[in-house]
Amino acid sequence: MATLQSMAFCFPSSNSLSNQSRSIPVSLCGSVHSSLNSSFNGLCLHLPQLCFAKQRQGQSISTLSIMMVKPTIQFIQGTDEQTIPDVRLTKSRDGTNGMAIFTFTEPSVFDSASIVGDITGFYMIDEEGVIQSVDVNAKFVNGKPAGIEAKYIMRTPREWDRFMRFMERYSNQNGLSFIKK
């Protein structure tokens, strides 16, 4: 799940229900994030119950809570990659396109692939959504998996900016630093 938003609305109970709570079914369907160039369109969010809080001297309480998603990389959806990659960036002189090349040495996906499933792509996940690529190549040494190289191609300045926002979050989470060569 790319974005995890938890909405807890707490309303005062009515005078007739001062010692009881009631559940009200709610369905919230809408796009969490949509873009013309993105395949991620969000998920419908169905909240079966709302939380009711006790009324405090005539005041109503309403709370919206948003939980942020830890930036992560996955090769198998639902299984986070534990190995921190080496990332190389290229950008055209006019700034309209670029490429990010991720090199993973002995990635953890090889340990769980036989149990969880096959590598289905390269997924970069944060609170904005999912950036994905299918350009993933495995490297083998003496018949054993040794590494993975994944490429993400950015064809517009918007895709470049979105990728850089992900990388800023991912690098802060994992202690990466940028070195210009």
Foldseek 3Di string as FASTA:
>chain_A
DQFDFDFAFEWADDPVQQPHDDFDWDWADAFPADDPPDPHGHGTDTDRGHHYDHDDPPDTDTDTGGDWDQWFKDQQPPDGKPFDWDWDKDADPVRFKIKIKTKGFPICCLVCCVPRHHRDWMWTGTNNGIDTDRQKDFDDDPNHTTIMIHMDMGRGNVSVVVVVVSVVSNCVSVVDDDDDD
